[in-house]
Amino acid sequence: MSTALRQHFEKIISLTDDQFAYVMPHFVTRKFKKHQFIVQAGNPVEYDHFVVSGLLTASHVNDEGKEHILNFAMEDWWVSDYHAYVNQARATLNIECIENTEVLCVSFADKNKLCKELHEIEHFFRVKATSGYIALQRRILSLLNDDAHTRYAHITVVADCFIIRKV
């Protein structure tokens, strides 16, 4: 699992072996079964999750009980209820495993500590946050402008890329 995280970091930054050896103990390995929640609405959110393997969905259930899927998270992605994670508040999202999943988790305090101590890690998370914001903006625009068929086709393309990468 540490190899997957190191490879993920090194798509954006370079870390020495000593730096990575320092970073790794700040992460906790967790395994979840299909249909298990890693975050449930109403509960505190302790971690940001790096998906080593598996597929998850992040959703919100409105007052009428209708579920709205915000996004999917697959291998090599990060997922959390970021509002709750950053503000140490209770979750408003459910994050559920669609298949058996392995994640590496970092607490908000440990993430901040690493960012403060290692410029490379701070740069990595800034780039990831910016990329996430761009993806969210594109998703919102797609919801406003695209029909359901086009949105589904985009998800299928993303899923196909995921499957190809796994092979």
C-alpha atoms as a PDB file:
ATOM      1  CA  MET A   1       0.000   0.000   0.000  1.00  0.00           C
ATOM      2  CA  SER A   2       2.834   2.389   0.707  1.00  0.00           C
ATOM      3  CA  THR A   3       4.080   1.835  -2.850  1.00  0.00           C
ATOM      4  CA  ALA A   4       0.745   3.044  -4.252  1.00  0.00           C
ATOM      5  CA  LEU A   5       0.886   6.202  -2.125  1.00  0.00           C
ATOM      6  CA  ARG A   6       4.503   6.909  -3.054  1.00  0.00           C
ATOM      7  CA  GLN A   7       3.745   6.490  -6.756  1.00  0.00           C
ATOM      8  CA  HIS A   8       0.744   8.784  -6.325  1.00  0.00           C
ATOM      9  CA  PHE A   9       2.857  11.469  -4.637  1.00  0.00           C
ATOM     10  CA  GLU A  10       5.556  11.182  -7.264  1.00  0.00           C
ATOM     11  CA  LYS A  11       3.167  12.085 -10.057  1.00  0.00           C
ATOM     12  CA  ILE A  12       3.407  15.611  -8.624  1.00  0.00           C
ATOM     13  CA  ILE A  13       6.395  15.811  -6.240  1.00  0.00           C
ATOM     14  CA  SER A  14       9.667  14.055  -5.478  1.00  0.00           C
ATOM     15  CA  LEU A  15      10.343  12.717  -2.012  1.00  0.00           C
ATOM     16  CA  THR A  16      13.545  11.238  -0.681  1.00  0.00           C
ATOM     17  CA  ASP A  17      13.372   7.829   0.957  1.00  0.00           C
ATOM     18  CA  ASP A  18      13.842   9.517   4.348  1.00  0.00           C
ATOM     19  CA  GLN A  19      11.023  11.986   3.671  1.00  0.00           C
ATOM     20  CA  PHE A  20       8.652   9.218   2.609  1.00  0.00           C
ATOM     21  CA  ALA A  21       9.658   7.132   5.631  1.00  0.00           C
ATOM     22  CA  TYR A  22       8.679  10.128   7.777  1.00  0.00           C
ATOM     23  CA  VAL A  23       5.357  10.652   5.961  1.00  0.00           C
ATOM     24  CA  MET A  24       4.105   7.065   5.917  1.00  0.00           C
ATOM     25  CA  PRO A  25       3.483   6.583   9.683  1.00  0.00           C
ATOM     26  CA  HIS A  26       1.029   9.501   9.552  1.00  0.00           C
ATOM     27  CA  PHE A  27      -1.297   7.318   7.460  1.00  0.00           C
ATOM     28  CA  VAL A  28      -3.560   4.542   8.751  1.00  0.00           C
ATOM     29  CA  THR A  29      -4.468   1.564   6.567  1.00  0.00           C
ATOM     30  CA  ARG A  30      -8.140   0.575   6.575  1.00  0.00           C
ATOM     31  CA  LYS A  31     -10.080  -2.084   4.688  1.00  0.00           C
ATOM     32  CA  PHE A  32     -13.814  -1.985   4.033  1.00  0.00           C
ATOM     33  CA  LYS A  33     -16.246  -4.461   2.555  1.00  0.00           C
ATOM     34  CA  LYS A  34     -18.710  -3.784  -0.235  1.00  0.00           C
ATOM     35  CA  HIS A  35     -21.692  -1.699   1.017  1.00  0.00           C
ATOM     36  CA  GLN A  36     -19.778  -0.558   4.108  1.00  0.00           C
ATOM     37  CA  PHE A  37     -19.679   3.176   4.859  1.00  0.00           C
ATOM     38  CA  ILE A  38     -16.365   4.928   5.444  1.00  0.00           C
ATOM     39  CA  VAL A  39     -18.240   8.156   6.275  1.00  0.00           C
ATOM     40  CA  GLN A  40     -21.857   8.411   7.433  1.00  0.00           C
ATOM     41  CA  ALA A  41     -23.954  11.555   7.655  1.00  0.00           C
ATOM     42  CA  GLY A  42     -24.216  12.775  11.225  1.00  0.00           C
ATOM     43  CA  ASN A  43     -20.899  11.296  12.347  1.00  0.00           C
ATOM     44  CA  PRO A  44     -17.571  13.090  12.810  1.00  0.00           C
ATOM     45  CA  VAL A  45     -15.118  12.831   9.908  1.00  0.00           C
ATOM     46  CA  GLU A  46     -11.638  11.925  11.102  1.00  0.00           C
ATOM     47  CA  TYR A  47      -9.838  11.251   7.841  1.00  0.00           C
ATOM     48  CA  ASP A  48      -9.119  12.124   4.264  1.00  0.00           C
ATOM     49  CA  HIS A  49      -8.955   8.825   2.371  1.00  0.00           C
ATOM     50  CA  PHE A  50      -6.573   7.840  -0.422  1.00  0.00           C
ATOM     51  CA  VAL A  51      -8.153   4.981  -2.373  1.00  0.00           C
ATOM     52  CA  VAL A  52      -5.596   2.218  -2.888  1.00  0.00           C
ATOM     53  CA  SER A  53      -8.159  -0.169  -4.357  1.00  0.00           C
ATOM     54  CA  GLY A  54     -11.912  -0.271  -4.695  1.00  0.00           C
ATOM     55  CA  LEU A  55     -14.714   2.045  -5.754  1.00  0.00           C
ATOM     56  CA  LEU A  56     -16.776   4.373  -3.580  1.00  0.00           C
ATOM     57  CA  THR A  57     -19.633   6.789  -3.979  1.00  0.00           C
ATOM     58  CA  ALA A  58     -20.151  10.036  -2.087  1.00  0.00           C
ATOM     59  CA  SER A  59     -23.800  11.012  -1.753  1.00  0.00           C
ATOM     60  CA  HIS A  60     -26.199  13.236   0.130  1.00  0.00           C
ATOM     61  CA  VAL A  61     -29.725  12.293   1.187  1.00  0.00           C
ATOM     62  CA  ASN A  62     -32.069  15.299   1.151  1.00  0.00           C
ATOM     63  CA  ASP A  63     -34.953  15.966   3.551  1.00  0.00           C
ATOM     64  CA  GLU A  64     -37.353  14.026   1.306  1.00  0.00           C
ATOM     65  CA  GLY A  65     -35.095  10.961   1.443  1.00  0.00           C
ATOM     66  CA  LYS A  66     -33.805  11.282  -2.142  1.00  0.00           C
ATOM     67  CA  GLU A  67     -30.163  10.324  -2.580  1.00  0.00           C
ATOM     68  CA  HIS A  68     -27.993  12.600  -4.723  1.00  0.00           C
ATOM     69  CA  ILE A  69     -24.627  11.216  -5.819  1.00  0.00           C
ATOM     70  CA  LEU A  70     -21.944  13.899  -5.747  1.00  0.00           C
ATOM     71  CA  ASN A  71     -19.100  11.833  -7.094  1.00  0.00           C
ATOM     72  CA  PHE A  72     -17.403   8.493  -7.358  1.00  0.00           C
ATOM     73  CA  ALA A  73     -13.939   7.761  -5.976  1.00  0.00           C
ATOM     74  CA  MET A  74     -11.788   5.077  -7.481  1.00  0.00           C
ATOM     75  CA  GLU A  75      -8.244   3.818  -7.221  1.00  0.00           C
ATOM     76  CA  ASP A  76      -5.695   6.642  -6.967  1.00  0.00           C
ATOM     77  CA  TRP A  77      -8.324   9.217  -5.848  1.00  0.00           C
ATOM     78  CA  TRP A  78      -8.915  11.028  -2.566  1.00  0.00           C
ATOM     79  CA  VAL A  79     -12.327  11.168  -0.907  1.00  0.00           C
ATOM     80  CA  SER A  80     -13.864  12.596   2.248  1.00  0.00           C
ATOM     81  CA  ASP A  81     -16.630  14.899   3.406  1.00  0.00           C
ATOM     82  CA  TYR A  82     -14.252  17.850   3.190  1.00  0.00           C
ATOM     83  CA  HIS A  83     -16.520  20.357   4.897  1.00  0.00           C
ATOM     84  CA  ALA A  84     -16.755  18.119   7.948  1.00  0.00           C
ATOM     85  CA  TYR A  85     -13.090  17.040   7.763  1.00  0.00           C
ATOM     86  CA  VAL A  86     -11.665  20.564   7.626  1.00  0.00           C
ATOM     87  CA  ASN A  87     -14.119  22.113  10.085  1.00  0.00           C
ATOM     88  CA  GLN A  88     -14.146  19.105  12.436  1.00  0.00           C
ATOM     89  CA  ALA A  89     -17.939  19.021  12.051  1.00  0.00           C
ATOM     90  CA  ARG A  90     -20.431  16.222  11.529  1.00  0.00           C
ATOM     91  CA  ALA A  91     -20.720  14.714   8.068  1.00  0.00           C
ATOM     92  CA  THR A  92     -23.505  15.675   5.694  1.00  0.00           C
ATOM     93  CA  LEU A  93     -22.389  13.064   3.153  1.00  0.00           C
ATOM     94  CA  ASN A  94     -22.385   9.297   3.051  1.00  0.00           C
ATOM     95  CA  ILE A  95     -19.355   7.656   1.485  1.00  0.00           C
ATOM     96  CA  GLU A  96     -20.091   4.025   0.695  1.00  0.00           C
ATOM     97  CA  CYS A  97     -17.965   1.264  -0.777  1.00  0.00           C
ATOM     98  CA  ILE A  98     -19.384  -0.061  -4.042  1.00  0.00           C
ATOM     99  CA  GLU A  99     -16.812  -2.854  -3.906  1.00  0.00           C
ATOM    100  CA  ASN A 100     -14.289  -4.088  -1.343  1.00  0.00           C
ATOM    101  CA  THR A 101     -11.975  -1.161  -0.690  1.00  0.00           C
ATOM    102  CA  GLU A 102      -8.587  -0.410   0.820  1.00  0.00           C
ATOM    103  CA  VAL A 103      -7.696   3.138   1.803  1.00  0.00           C
ATOM    104  CA  LEU A 104      -4.854   5.018   3.428  1.00  0.00           C
ATOM    105  CA  CYS A 105      -6.223   7.593   5.859  1.00  0.00           C
ATOM    106  CA  VAL A 106      -4.670  10.788   7.162  1.00  0.00           C
ATOM    107  CA  SER A 107      -6.147  12.879   9.971  1.00  0.00           C
ATOM    108  CA  PHE A 108      -6.588  16.618   9.567  1.00  0.00           C
ATOM    109  CA  ALA A 109      -3.983  17.279  12.275  1.00  0.00           C
ATOM    110  CA  ASP A 110      -1.434  14.946  10.674  1.00  0.00           C
ATOM    111  CA  LYS A 111      -2.062  16.376   7.210  1.00  0.00           C
ATOM    112  CA  ASN A 112      -1.490  19.905   8.518  1.00  0.00           C
ATOM    113  CA  LYS A 113       1.625  18.783  10.386  1.00  0.00           C
ATOM    114  CA  LEU A 114       3.071  17.196   7.242  1.00  0.00           C
ATOM    115  CA  CYS A 115       2.239  20.261   5.159  1.00  0.00           C
ATOM    116  CA  LYS A 116       3.906  22.541   7.700  1.00  0.00           C
ATOM    117  CA  GLU A 117       7.039  20.413   7.939  1.00  0.00           C
ATOM    118  CA  LEU A 118       7.499  19.367   4.296  1.00  0.00           C
ATOM    119  CA  HIS A 119       7.067  21.910   1.516  1.00  0.00           C
ATOM    120  CA  GLU A 120       6.737  19.068  -1.011  1.00  0.00           C
ATOM    121  CA  ILE A 121       3.705  17.633   0.787  1.00  0.00           C
ATOM    122  CA  GLU A 122       2.109  21.066   1.071  1.00  0.00           C
ATOM    123  CA  HIS A 123       2.629  21.546  -2.675  1.00  0.00           C
ATOM    124  CA  PHE A 124       1.145  18.104  -3.390  1.00  0.00           C
ATOM    125  CA  PHE A 125      -2.035  18.776  -1.418  1.00  0.00           C
ATOM    126  CA  ARG A 126      -2.400  22.261  -2.917  1.00  0.00           C
ATOM    127  CA  VAL A 127      -2.242  20.788  -6.414  1.00  0.00           C
ATOM    128  CA  LYS A 128      -4.721  18.046  -5.454  1.00  0.00           C
ATOM    129  CA  ALA A 129      -7.120  20.579  -3.897  1.00  0.00           C
ATOM    130  CA  THR A 130      -6.975  22.757  -6.997  1.00  0.00           C
ATOM    131  CA  SER A 131      -7.584  19.749  -9.248  1.00  0.00           C
ATOM    132  CA  GLY A 132     -10.517  18.698  -7.078  1.00  0.00           C
ATOM    133  CA  TYR A 133     -12.023  22.168  -7.284  1.00  0.00           C
ATOM    134  CA  ILE A 134     -11.698  22.135 -11.076  1.00  0.00           C
ATOM    135  CA  ALA A 135     -13.344  18.693 -11.260  1.00  0.00           C
ATOM    136  CA  LEU A 136     -16.194  19.885  -9.059  1.00  0.00           C
ATOM    137  CA  GLN A 137     -16.689  22.960 -11.239  1.00  0.00           C
ATOM    138  CA  ARG A 138     -16.797  20.777 -14.360  1.00  0.00           C
ATOM    139  CA  ARG A 139     -19.317  18.440 -12.680  1.00  0.00           C
ATOM    140  CA  ILE A 140     -21.585  21.335 -11.738  1.00  0.00           C
ATOM    141  CA  LEU A 141     -21.434  22.710 -15.274  1.00  0.00           C
ATOM    142  CA  SER A 142     -22.192  19.251 -16.645  1.00  0.00           C
ATOM    143  CA  LEU A 143     -25.229  18.977 -14.368  1.00  0.00           C
ATOM    144  CA  LEU A 144     -26.427  22.370 -15.591  1.00  0.00           C
ATOM    145  CA  ASN A 145     -25.752  21.853 -19.290  1.00  0.00           C
ATOM    146  CA  ASP A 146     -25.618  18.157 -20.212  1.00  0.00           C
ATOM    147  CA  ASP A 147     -28.427  15.662 -20.509  1.00  0.00           C
ATOM    148  CA  ALA A 148     -28.401  12.439 -18.489  1.00  0.00           C
ATOM    149  CA  HIS A 149     -27.053  10.406 -21.431  1.00  0.00           C
ATOM    150  CA  THR A 150     -24.012  12.674 -21.822  1.00  0.00           C
ATOM    151  CA  ARG A 151     -23.296  12.632 -18.078  1.00  0.00           C
ATOM    152  CA  TYR A 152     -23.553   8.824 -18.034  1.00  0.00           C
ATOM    153  CA  ALA A 153     -21.213   8.567 -21.029  1.00  0.00           C
ATOM    154  CA  HIS A 154     -18.648  10.645 -19.151  1.00  0.00           C
ATOM    155  CA  ILE A 155     -18.889   8.359 -16.096  1.00  0.00           C
ATOM    156  CA  THR A 156     -18.505   5.328 -18.368  1.00  0.00           C
ATOM    157  CA  VAL A 157     -15.335   6.803 -19.895  1.00  0.00           C
ATOM    158  CA  VAL A 158     -13.912   7.447 -16.432  1.00  0.00           C
ATOM    159  CA  ALA A 159     -14.820   3.909 -15.344  1.00  0.00           C
ATOM    160  CA  ASP A 160     -13.229   2.431 -18.481  1.00  0.00           C
ATOM    161  CA  CYS A 161     -10.019   4.330 -17.763  1.00  0.00           C
ATOM    162  CA  PHE A 162     -10.110   2.946 -14.244  1.00  0.00           C
ATOM    163  CA  ILE A 163     -10.486  -0.617 -15.476  1.00  0.00           C
ATOM    164  CA  ILE A 164      -7.705  -0.195 -18.025  1.00  0.00           C
ATOM    165  CA  ARG A 165      -5.347   1.144 -15.358  1.00  0.00           C
ATOM    166  CA  LYS A 166      -6.042  -1.815 -13.073  1.00  0.00           C
ATOM    167  CA  VAL A 167      -5.042  -4.408 -15.665  1.00  0.00           C
END
